PDB file of all heavy atoms in Angstrom:
ATOM      1  N   CYS A   1     -33.885  10.055  66.962  1.00  0.00           N
ATOM      2  CA  CYS A   1     -34.128  10.941  68.107  1.00  0.00           C
ATOM      3  C   CYS A   1     -33.589  12.346  67.822  1.00  0.00           C
ATOM      4  O   CYS A   1     -34.243  13.346  68.131  1.00  0.00           O
ATOM      5  CB  CYS A   1     -33.472  10.376  69.366  1.00  0.00           C
ATOM      6  SG  CYS A   1     -34.243   8.870  69.985  1.00  0.00           S
ATOM      7  N   TYR A   2     -32.406  12.407  67.224  1.00  0.00           N
ATOM      8  CA  TYR A   2     -31.826  13.717  66.921  1.00  0.00           C
ATOM      9  C   TYR A   2     -32.612  14.440  65.827  1.00  0.00           C
ATOM     10  O   TYR A   2     -32.730  15.671  65.852  1.00  0.00           O
ATOM     11  CB  TYR A   2     -30.355  13.573  66.541  1.00  0.00           C
ATOM     12  CG  TYR A   2     -29.631  14.899  66.496  1.00  0.00           C
ATOM     13  CD1 TYR A   2     -29.713  15.802  67.552  1.00  0.00           C
ATOM     14  CD2 TYR A   2     -28.851  15.243  65.403  1.00  0.00           C
ATOM     15  CE1 TYR A   2     -29.049  17.014  67.512  1.00  0.00           C
ATOM     16  CE2 TYR A   2     -28.177  16.453  65.359  1.00  0.00           C
ATOM     17  CZ  TYR A   2     -28.284  17.338  66.408  1.00  0.00           C
ATOM     18  OH  TYR A   2     -27.619  18.540  66.361  1.00  0.00           O
ATOM     19  N   ASP A   3     -33.183  13.693  64.903  1.00  0.00           N
ATOM     20  CA  ASP A   3     -34.033  14.304  63.878  1.00  0.00           C
ATOM     21  C   ASP A   3     -35.234  15.008  64.508  1.00  0.00           C
ATOM     22  O   ASP A   3     -35.687  16.038  63.998  1.00  0.00           O
ATOM     23  CB  ASP A   3     -34.519  13.258  62.872  1.00  0.00           C
ATOM     24  CG  ASP A   3     -33.437  12.833  61.895  1.00  0.00           C
ATOM     25  OD1 ASP A   3     -32.389  13.513  61.817  1.00  0.00           O
ATOM     26  OD2 ASP A   3     -33.627  11.794  61.221  1.00  0.00           O
ATOM     27  N   LEU A   4     -35.727  14.474  65.626  1.00  0.00           N
ATOM     28  CA  LEU A   4     -36.836  15.135  66.333  1.00  0.00           C
ATOM     29  C   LEU A   4     -36.399  16.496  66.876  1.00  0.00           C
ATOM     30  O   LEU A   4     -37.176  17.456  66.865  1.00  0.00           O
ATOM     31  CB  LEU A   4     -37.341  14.247  67.477  1.00  0.00           C
ATOM     32  CG  LEU A   4     -37.991  12.929  67.061  1.00  0.00           C
ATOM     33  CD1 LEU A   4     -38.232  12.044  68.283  1.00  0.00           C
ATOM     34  CD2 LEU A   4     -39.290  13.187  66.302  1.00  0.00           C
ATOM     35  N   ALA A   5     -35.157  16.577  67.331  1.00  0.00           N
ATOM     36  CA  ALA A   5     -34.622  17.860  67.815  1.00  0.00           C
ATOM     37  C   ALA A   5     -34.460  18.836  66.655  1.00  0.00           C
ATOM     38  O   ALA A   5     -34.856  20.007  66.750  1.00  0.00           O
ATOM     39  CB  ALA A   5     -33.284  17.645  68.519  1.00  0.00           C
ATOM     40  N   ARG A   6     -33.886  18.360  65.580  1.00  0.00           N
ATOM     41  CA  ARG A   6     -33.683  19.218  64.412  1.00  0.00           C
ATOM     42  C   ARG A   6     -35.008  19.735  63.852  1.00  0.00           C
ATOM     43  O   ARG A   6     -35.084  20.881  63.411  1.00  0.00           O
ATOM     44  CB  ARG A   6     -32.932  18.461  63.327  1.00  0.00           C
ATOM     45  CG  ARG A   6     -31.476  18.261  63.644  1.00  0.00           C
ATOM     46  CD  ARG A   6     -30.828  17.528  62.508  1.00  0.00           C
ATOM     47  NE  ARG A   6     -29.389  17.535  62.641  1.00  0.00           N
ATOM     48  CZ  ARG A   6     -28.578  16.944  61.790  1.00  0.00           C
ATOM     49  NH1 ARG A   6     -29.057  16.311  60.732  1.00  0.00           N
ATOM     50  NH2 ARG A   6     -27.288  16.977  61.973  1.00  0.00           N
ATOM     51  N   ALA A   7     -36.034  18.901  63.876  1.00  0.00           N
ATOM     52  CA  ALA A   7     -37.349  19.314  63.380  1.00  0.00           C
ATOM     53  C   ALA A   7     -37.930  20.450  64.214  1.00  0.00           C
ATOM     54  O   ALA A   7     -38.777  21.204  63.741  1.00  0.00           O
ATOM     55  CB  ALA A   7     -38.315  18.126  63.380  1.00  0.00           C
ATOM     56  N   ARG A   8     -37.444  20.598  65.440  1.00  0.00           N
ATOM     57  CA  ARG A   8     -37.881  21.679  66.326  1.00  0.00           C
ATOM     58  C   ARG A   8     -36.909  22.856  66.305  1.00  0.00           C
ATOM     59  O   ARG A   8     -36.975  23.745  67.133  1.00  0.00           O
ATOM     60  CB  ARG A   8     -38.052  21.141  67.737  1.00  0.00           C
ATOM     61  CG  ARG A   8     -39.267  20.236  67.879  1.00  0.00           C
ATOM     62  CD  ARG A   8     -39.188  19.352  69.117  1.00  0.00           C
ATOM     63  NE  ARG A   8     -40.401  18.568  69.277  1.00  0.00           N
ATOM     64  CZ  ARG A   8     -40.711  17.491  68.564  1.00  0.00           C
ATOM     65  NH1 ARG A   8     -39.894  17.076  67.613  1.00  0.00           N
ATOM     66  NH2 ARG A   8     -41.828  16.821  68.782  1.00  0.00           N
ATOM     67  N   GLY A   9     -35.959  22.819  65.361  1.00  0.00           N
ATOM     68  CA  GLY A   9     -35.000  23.912  65.223  1.00  0.00           C
ATOM     69  C   GLY A   9     -33.877  23.881  66.244  1.00  0.00           C
ATOM     70  O   GLY A   9     -33.205  24.894  66.448  1.00  0.00           O
ATOM     71  N   LEU A  10     -33.648  22.735  66.880  1.00  0.00           N
ATOM     72  CA  LEU A  10     -32.619  22.622  67.909  1.00  0.00           C
ATOM     73  C   LEU A  10     -31.419  21.851  67.381  1.00  0.00           C
ATOM     74  O   LEU A  10     -31.550  20.984  66.515  1.00  0.00           O
ATOM     75  CB  LEU A  10     -33.182  21.915  69.147  1.00  0.00           C
ATOM     76  CG  LEU A  10     -34.334  22.639  69.838  1.00  0.00           C
ATOM     77  CD1 LEU A  10     -35.032  21.713  70.830  1.00  0.00           C
ATOM     78  CD2 LEU A  10     -33.821  23.885  70.539  1.00  0.00           C
ATOM     79  N   SER A  11     -30.249  22.156  67.933  1.00  0.00           N
ATOM     80  CA  SER A  11     -29.037  21.419  67.589  1.00  0.00           C
ATOM     81  C   SER A  11     -28.273  21.102  68.866  1.00  0.00           C
ATOM     82  O   SER A  11     -28.463  21.748  69.903  1.00  0.00           O
ATOM     83  CB  SER A  11     -28.161  22.213  66.620  1.00  0.00           C
ATOM     84  OG  SER A  11     -27.752  23.419  67.226  1.00  0.00           O
ATOM     85  N   LEU A  12     -27.393  20.133  68.767  1.00  0.00           N
ATOM     86  CA  LEU A  12     -26.639  19.681  69.931  1.00  0.00           C
ATOM     87  C   LEU A  12     -25.493  20.637  70.239  1.00  0.00           C
ATOM     88  O   LEU A  12     -24.602  20.828  69.411  1.00  0.00           O
ATOM     89  CB  LEU A  12     -26.087  18.272  69.677  1.00  0.00           C
ATOM     90  CG  LEU A  12     -25.326  17.637  70.826  1.00  0.00           C
ATOM     91  CD1 LEU A  12     -26.279  17.292  71.972  1.00  0.00           C
ATOM     92  CD2 LEU A  12     -24.599  16.389  70.343  1.00  0.00           C
ATOM     93  N   ALA A  13     -25.537  21.236  71.423  1.00  0.00           N
ATOM     94  CA  ALA A  13     -24.408  22.055  71.877  1.00  0.00           C
ATOM     95  C   ALA A  13     -23.315  21.140  72.401  1.00  0.00           C
ATOM     96  O   ALA A  13     -22.143  21.310  72.072  1.00  0.00           O
ATOM     97  CB  ALA A  13     -24.849  23.028  72.962  1.00  0.00           C
ATOM     98  N   ASN A  14     -23.690  20.160  73.225  1.00  0.00           N
ATOM     99  CA  ASN A  14     -22.734  19.160  73.691  1.00  0.00           C
ATOM    100  C   ASN A  14     -23.465  17.994  74.334  1.00  0.00           C
ATOM    101  O   ASN A  14     -24.629  18.096  74.722  1.00  0.00           O
ATOM    102  CB  ASN A  14     -21.708  19.745  74.660  1.00  0.00           C
ATOM    103  CG  ASN A  14     -22.272  19.997  76.034  1.00  0.00           C
ATOM    104  OD1 ASN A  14     -23.213  20.762  76.188  1.00  0.00           O
ATOM    105  ND2 ASN A  14     -21.705  19.339  77.035  1.00  0.00           N
ATOM    106  N   ALA A  15     -22.742  16.879  74.401  1.00  0.00           N
ATOM    107  CA  ALA A  15     -23.207  15.681  75.094  1.00  0.00           C
ATOM    108  C   ALA A  15     -22.084  15.208  76.000  1.00  0.00           C
ATOM    109  O   ALA A  15     -20.917  15.182  75.585  1.00  0.00           O
ATOM    110  CB  ALA A  15     -23.572  14.587  74.105  1.00  0.00           C
ATOM    111  N   ASP A  16     -22.432  14.855  77.228  1.00  0.00           N
ATOM    112  CA  ASP A  16     -21.467  14.343  78.193  1.00  0.00           C
ATOM    113  C   ASP A  16     -21.963  12.974  78.630  1.00  0.00           C
ATOM    114  O   ASP A  16     -23.055  12.853  79.188  1.00  0.00           O
ATOM    115  CB  ASP A  16     -21.351  15.295  79.382  1.00  0.00           C
ATOM    116  CG  ASP A  16     -20.276  14.874  80.363  1.00  0.00           C
ATOM    117  OD1 ASP A  16     -19.334  14.164  79.962  1.00  0.00           O
ATOM    118  OD2 ASP A  16     -20.377  15.259  81.549  1.00  0.00           O
ATOM    119  N   ILE A  17     -21.179  11.939  78.351  1.00  0.00           N
ATOM    120  CA  ILE A  17     -21.598  10.559  78.547  1.00  0.00           C
ATOM    121  C   ILE A  17     -20.602   9.849  79.452  1.00  0.00           C
ATOM    122  O   ILE A  17     -19.384  10.000  79.289  1.00  0.00           O
ATOM    123  CB  ILE A  17     -21.661   9.827  77.187  1.00  0.00           C
ATOM    124  CG1 ILE A  17     -22.575  10.583  76.218  1.00  0.00           C
ATOM    125  CG2 ILE A  17     -22.102   8.373  77.367  1.00  0.00           C
ATOM    126  CD1 ILE A  17     -22.320  10.273  74.767  1.00  0.00           C
ATOM    127  N   THR A  18     -21.132   9.039  80.385  1.00  0.00           N
ATOM    128  CA  THR A  18     -20.286   8.221  81.247  1.00  0.00           C
ATOM    129  C   THR A  18     -20.715   6.768  81.151  1.00  0.00           C
ATOM    130  O   THR A  18     -21.881   6.446  81.389  1.00  0.00           O
ATOM    131  CB  THR A  18     -20.374   8.673  82.724  1.00  0.00           C
ATOM    132  OG1 THR A  18     -20.008  10.049  82.818  1.00  0.00           O
ATOM    133  CG2 THR A  18     -19.446   7.848  83.603  1.00  0.00           C
ATOM    134  N   LEU A  19     -19.783   5.904  80.770  1.00  0.00           N
ATOM    135  CA  LEU A  19     -19.998   4.462  80.808  1.00  0.00           C
ATOM    136  C   LEU A  19     -19.610   3.984  82.196  1.00  0.00           C
ATOM    137  O   LEU A  19     -18.564   4.364  82.719  1.00  0.00           O
ATOM    138  CB  LEU A  19     -19.129   3.765  79.750  1.00  0.00           C
ATOM    139  CG  LEU A  19     -19.174   2.230  79.773  1.00  0.00           C
ATOM    140  CD1 LEU A  19     -20.545   1.719  79.336  1.00  0.00           C
ATOM    141  CD2 LEU A  19     -18.067   1.658  78.901  1.00  0.00           C
ATOM    142  N   ILE A  20     -20.449   3.131  82.794  1.00  0.00           N
ATOM    143  CA  ILE A  20     -20.182   2.582  84.122  1.00  0.00           C
ATOM    144  C   ILE A  20     -20.045   1.068  83.953  1.00  0.00           C
ATOM    145  O   ILE A  20     -21.038   0.377  83.702  1.00  0.00           O
ATOM    146  CB  ILE A  20     -21.318   2.933  85.100  1.00  0.00           C
ATOM    147  CG1 ILE A  20     -21.592   4.441  85.065  1.00  0.00           C
ATOM    148  CG2 ILE A  20     -20.964   2.473  86.513  1.00  0.00           C
ATOM    149  CD1 ILE A  20     -22.949   4.830  85.593  1.00  0.00           C
ATOM    150  N   ALA A  21     -18.818   0.567  84.062  1.00  0.00           N
ATOM    151  CA  ALA A  21     -18.553  -0.852  83.829  1.00  0.00           C
ATOM    152  C   ALA A  21     -17.206  -1.238  84.421  1.00  0.00           C
ATOM    153  O   ALA A  21     -16.268  -0.444  84.384  1.00  0.00           O
ATOM    154  CB  ALA A  21     -18.556  -1.151  82.332  1.00  0.00           C
ATOM    155  N   GLU A  22     -17.142  -2.446  84.950  1.00  0.00           N
ATOM    156  CA  GLU A  22     -15.852  -2.989  85.373  1.00  0.00           C
ATOM    157  C   GLU A  22     -15.091  -3.483  84.141  1.00  0.00           C
ATOM    158  O   GLU A  22     -13.896  -3.326  84.036  1.00  0.00           O
ATOM    159  CB  GLU A  22     -16.053  -4.145  86.360  1.00  0.00           C
ATOM    160  CG  GLU A  22     -16.736  -3.754  87.659  1.00  0.00           C
ATOM    161  CD  GLU A  22     -15.911  -2.853  88.544  1.00  0.00           C
ATOM    162  OE1 GLU A  22     -14.664  -2.950  88.551  1.00  0.00           O
ATOM    163  OE2 GLU A  22     -16.529  -2.032  89.257  1.00  0.00           O
ATOM    164  N   ARG A  23     -15.815  -4.096  83.236  1.00  0.00           N
ATOM    165  CA  ARG A  23     -15.298  -4.607  81.979  1.00  0.00           C
ATOM    166  C   ARG A  23     -16.364  -4.403  80.924  1.00  0.00           C
ATOM    167  O   ARG A  23     -17.542  -4.471  81.248  1.00  0.00           O
ATOM    168  CB  ARG A  23     -14.960  -6.107  82.073  1.00  0.00           C
ATOM    169  CG  ARG A  23     -13.881  -6.437  83.065  1.00  0.00           C
ATOM    170  CD  ARG A  23     -12.509  -6.314  82.401  1.00  0.00           C
ATOM    171  NE  ARG A  23     -11.442  -6.739  83.299  1.00  0.00           N
ATOM    172  CZ  ARG A  23     -10.713  -5.911  84.040  1.00  0.00           C
ATOM    173  NH1 ARG A  23     -10.940  -4.629  83.999  1.00  0.00           N
ATOM    174  NH2 ARG A  23      -9.759  -6.359  84.805  1.00  0.00           N
ATOM    175  N   PRO A  24     -16.052  -4.215  79.684  1.00  0.00           N
ATOM    176  CA  PRO A  24     -14.706  -4.121  79.131  1.00  0.00           C
ATOM    177  C   PRO A  24     -14.096  -2.748  79.393  1.00  0.00           C
ATOM    178  O   PRO A  24     -14.806  -1.773  79.628  1.00  0.00           O
ATOM    179  CB  PRO A  24     -14.941  -4.326  77.638  1.00  0.00           C
ATOM    180  CG  PRO A  24     -16.300  -3.759  77.395  1.00  0.00           C
ATOM    181  CD  PRO A  24     -17.080  -4.076  78.644  1.00  0.00           C
ATOM    182  N   ARG A  25     -12.801  -2.703  79.319  1.00  0.00           N
ATOM    183  CA  ARG A  25     -12.093  -1.429  79.392  1.00  0.00           C
ATOM    184  C   ARG A  25     -12.227  -0.763  78.025  1.00  0.00           C
ATOM    185  O   ARG A  25     -12.045  -1.414  77.004  1.00  0.00           O
ATOM    186  CB  ARG A  25     -10.620  -1.636  79.732  1.00  0.00           C
ATOM    187  CG  ARG A  25     -10.396  -2.295  81.066  1.00  0.00           C
ATOM    188  CD  ARG A  25     -10.756  -1.376  82.187  1.00  0.00           C
ATOM    189  NE  ARG A  25     -10.378  -1.969  83.461  1.00  0.00           N
ATOM    190  CZ  ARG A  25     -10.634  -1.418  84.622  1.00  0.00           C
ATOM    191  NH1 ARG A  25     -11.268  -0.270  84.678  1.00  0.00           N
ATOM    192  NH2 ARG A  25     -10.276  -2.006  85.724  1.00  0.00           N
ATOM    193  N   VAL A  26     -12.542   0.524  78.018  1.00  0.00           N
ATOM    194  CA  VAL A  26     -12.835   1.182  76.738  1.00  0.00           C
ATOM    195  C   VAL A  26     -11.858   2.298  76.371  1.00  0.00           C
ATOM    196  O   VAL A  26     -12.029   2.933  75.334  1.00  0.00           O
ATOM    197  CB  VAL A  26     -14.279   1.734  76.714  1.00  0.00           C
ATOM    198  CG1 VAL A  26     -15.282   0.610  76.800  1.00  0.00           C
ATOM    199  CG2 VAL A  26     -14.490   2.773  77.791  1.00  0.00           C
ATOM    200  N   ARG A  27     -10.865   2.518  77.179  1.00  0.00           N
ATOM    201  CA  ARG A  27      -9.934   3.630  76.941  1.00  0.00           C
ATOM    202  C   ARG A  27      -9.461   3.690  75.489  1.00  0.00           C
ATOM    203  O   ARG A  27      -9.419   4.760  74.884  1.00  0.00           O
ATOM    204  CB  ARG A  27      -8.736   3.529  77.884  1.00  0.00           C
ATOM    205  CG  ARG A  27      -7.699   4.623  77.642  1.00  0.00           C
ATOM    206  CD  ARG A  27      -6.549   4.563  78.616  1.00  0.00           C
ATOM    207  NE  ARG A  27      -7.054   4.864  79.953  1.00  0.00           N
ATOM    208  CZ  ARG A  27      -6.760   4.151  81.047  1.00  0.00           C
ATOM    209  NH1 ARG A  27      -5.975   3.098  80.964  1.00  0.00           N
ATOM    210  NH2 ARG A  27      -7.252   4.492  82.209  1.00  0.00           N
ATOM    211  N   ASP A  28      -9.122   2.546  74.920  1.00  0.00           N
ATOM    212  CA  ASP A  28      -8.594   2.514  73.552  1.00  0.00           C
ATOM    213  C   ASP A  28      -9.667   2.719  72.487  1.00  0.00           C
ATOM    214  O   ASP A  28      -9.336   2.804  71.303  1.00  0.00           O
ATOM    215  CB  ASP A  28      -7.879   1.186  73.291  1.00  0.00           C
ATOM    216  CG  ASP A  28      -6.631   1.025  74.149  1.00  0.00           C
ATOM    217  OD1 ASP A  28      -6.090   2.039  74.640  1.00  0.00           O
ATOM    218  OD2 ASP A  28      -6.195  -0.131  74.327  1.00  0.00           O
ATOM    219  N   HIS A  29     -10.933   2.806  72.884  1.00  0.00           N
ATOM    220  CA  HIS A  29     -12.033   2.926  71.925  1.00  0.00           C
ATOM    221  C   HIS A  29     -12.777   4.264  72.010  1.00  0.00           C
ATOM    222  O   HIS A  29     -13.604   4.555  71.156  1.00  0.00           O
ATOM    223  CB  HIS A  29     -13.031   1.783  72.136  1.00  0.00           C
ATOM    224  CG  HIS A  29     -12.402   0.436  72.067  1.00  0.00           C
ATOM    225  ND1 HIS A  29     -12.120  -0.196  70.881  1.00  0.00           N
ATOM    226  CD2 HIS A  29     -11.967  -0.393  73.052  1.00  0.00           C
ATOM    227  CE1 HIS A  29     -11.552  -1.362  71.133  1.00  0.00           C
ATOM    228  NE2 HIS A  29     -11.445  -1.505  72.440  1.00  0.00           N
ATOM    229  N   VAL A  30     -12.471   5.052  73.024  1.00  0.00           N
ATOM    230  CA  VAL A  30     -13.225   6.286  73.266  1.00  0.00           C
ATOM    231  C   VAL A  30     -13.145   7.258  72.091  1.00  0.00           C
ATOM    232  O   VAL A  30     -14.161   7.829  71.682  1.00  0.00           O
ATOM    233  CB  VAL A  30     -12.781   6.955  74.587  1.00  0.00           C
ATOM    234  CG1 VAL A  30     -13.307   8.387  74.683  1.00  0.00           C
ATOM    235  CG2 VAL A  30     -13.255   6.135  75.773  1.00  0.00           C
ATOM    236  N   GLU A  31     -11.984   7.465  71.534  1.00  0.00           N
ATOM    237  CA  GLU A  31     -11.874   8.428  70.427  1.00  0.00           C
ATOM    238  C   GLU A  31     -12.682   7.981  69.217  1.00  0.00           C
ATOM    239  O   GLU A  31     -13.331   8.798  68.562  1.00  0.00           O
ATOM    240  CB  GLU A  31     -10.417   8.693  70.065  1.00  0.00           C
ATOM    241  CG  GLU A  31      -9.691   9.516  71.112  1.00  0.00           C
ATOM    242  CD  GLU A  31     -10.439  10.786  71.519  1.00  0.00           C
ATOM    243  OE1 GLU A  31     -10.801  11.588  70.622  1.00  0.00           O
ATOM    244  OE2 GLU A  31     -10.673  10.972  72.732  1.00  0.00           O
ATOM    245  N   GLU A  32     -12.659   6.690  68.926  1.00  0.00           N
ATOM    246  CA  GLU A  32     -13.462   6.185  67.814  1.00  0.00           C
ATOM    247  C   GLU A  32     -14.955   6.380  68.097  1.00  0.00           C
ATOM    248  O   GLU A  32     -15.722   6.749  67.205  1.00  0.00           O
ATOM    249  CB  GLU A  32     -13.162   4.713  67.551  1.00  0.00           C
ATOM    250  CG  GLU A  32     -13.887   4.166  66.336  1.00  0.00           C
ATOM    251  CD  GLU A  32     -13.592   2.699  66.067  1.00  0.00           C
ATOM    252  OE1 GLU A  32     -12.815   2.063  66.808  1.00  0.00           O
ATOM    253  OE2 GLU A  32     -14.169   2.182  65.086  1.00  0.00           O
ATOM    254  N   MET A  33     -15.369   6.146  69.345  1.00  0.00           N
ATOM    255  CA  MET A  33     -16.770   6.383  69.723  1.00  0.00           C
ATOM    256  C   MET A  33     -17.151   7.846  69.511  1.00  0.00           C
ATOM    257  O   MET A  33     -18.219   8.142  68.975  1.00  0.00           O
ATOM    258  CB  MET A  33     -17.005   6.007  71.190  1.00  0.00           C
ATOM    259  CG  MET A  33     -16.920   4.554  71.508  1.00  0.00           C
ATOM    260  SD  MET A  33     -17.133   4.337  73.300  1.00  0.00           S
ATOM    261  CE  MET A  33     -16.475   2.704  73.521  1.00  0.00           C
ATOM    262  N   ARG A  34     -16.278   8.745  69.927  1.00  0.00           N
ATOM    263  CA  ARG A  34     -16.553  10.174  69.757  1.00  0.00           C
ATOM    264  C   ARG A  34     -16.699  10.529  68.286  1.00  0.00           C
ATOM    265  O   ARG A  34     -17.586  11.310  67.921  1.00  0.00           O
ATOM    266  CB  ARG A  34     -15.442  11.009  70.407  1.00  0.00           C
ATOM    267  CG  ARG A  34     -15.437  10.923  71.927  1.00  0.00           C
ATOM    268  CD  ARG A  34     -14.311  11.722  72.543  1.00  0.00           C
ATOM    269  NE  ARG A  34     -14.530  13.145  72.295  1.00  0.00           N
ATOM    270  CZ  ARG A  34     -13.542  14.014  72.067  1.00  0.00           C
ATOM    271  NH1 ARG A  34     -12.283  13.630  72.033  1.00  0.00           N
ATOM    272  NH2 ARG A  34     -13.821  15.284  71.869  1.00  0.00           N
ATOM    273  N   ILE A  35     -15.852   9.964  67.450  1.00  0.00           N
ATOM    274  CA  ILE A  35     -15.931  10.225  66.004  1.00  0.00           C
ATOM    275  C   ILE A  35     -17.245   9.701  65.445  1.00  0.00           C
ATOM    276  O   ILE A  35     -17.929  10.405  64.685  1.00  0.00           O
ATOM    277  CB  ILE A  35     -14.721   9.594  65.280  1.00  0.00           C
ATOM    278  CG1 ILE A  35     -13.437  10.338  65.646  1.00  0.00           C
ATOM    279  CG2 ILE A  35     -14.939   9.566  63.774  1.00  0.00           C
ATOM    280  CD1 ILE A  35     -12.164   9.613  65.226  1.00  0.00           C
ATOM    281  N   VAL A  36     -17.626   8.488  65.808  1.00  0.00           N
ATOM    282  CA  VAL A  36     -18.872   7.886  65.313  1.00  0.00           C
ATOM    283  C   VAL A  36     -20.074   8.730  65.723  1.00  0.00           C
ATOM    284  O   VAL A  36     -20.927   9.066  64.892  1.00  0.00           O
ATOM    285  CB  VAL A  36     -19.025   6.431  65.822  1.00  0.00           C
ATOM    286  CG1 VAL A  36     -20.436   5.910  65.603  1.00  0.00           C
ATOM    287  CG2 VAL A  36     -18.007   5.519  65.145  1.00  0.00           C
ATOM    288  N   LEU A  37     -20.143   9.082  67.000  1.00  0.00           N
ATOM    289  CA  LEU A  37     -21.298   9.848  67.487  1.00  0.00           C
ATOM    290  C   LEU A  37     -21.331  11.245  66.868  1.00  0.00           C
ATOM    291  O   LEU A  37     -22.390  11.723  66.458  1.00  0.00           O
ATOM    292  CB  LEU A  37     -21.291   9.932  69.011  1.00  0.00           C
ATOM    293  CG  LEU A  37     -21.418   8.592  69.745  1.00  0.00           C
ATOM    294  CD1 LEU A  37     -21.400   8.811  71.251  1.00  0.00           C
ATOM    295  CD2 LEU A  37     -22.651   7.824  69.319  1.00  0.00           C
ATOM    296  N   ALA A  38     -20.187  11.906  66.800  1.00  0.00           N
ATOM    297  CA  ALA A  38     -20.140  13.243  66.204  1.00  0.00           C
ATOM    298  C   ALA A  38     -20.548  13.202  64.740  1.00  0.00           C
ATOM    299  O   ALA A  38     -21.289  14.068  64.263  1.00  0.00           O
ATOM    300  CB  ALA A  38     -18.741  13.839  66.357  1.00  0.00           C
TER     301      ALA A  38
END
């Protein structure tokens, strides 16, 4: 999907994501998720 943006000369300025869940708790995993996505 991001390659489609790049092919149009666009790049990601920012992404803001919200997980909505009672479980699992993700606080201890958020930084790793940010690293993976970035």
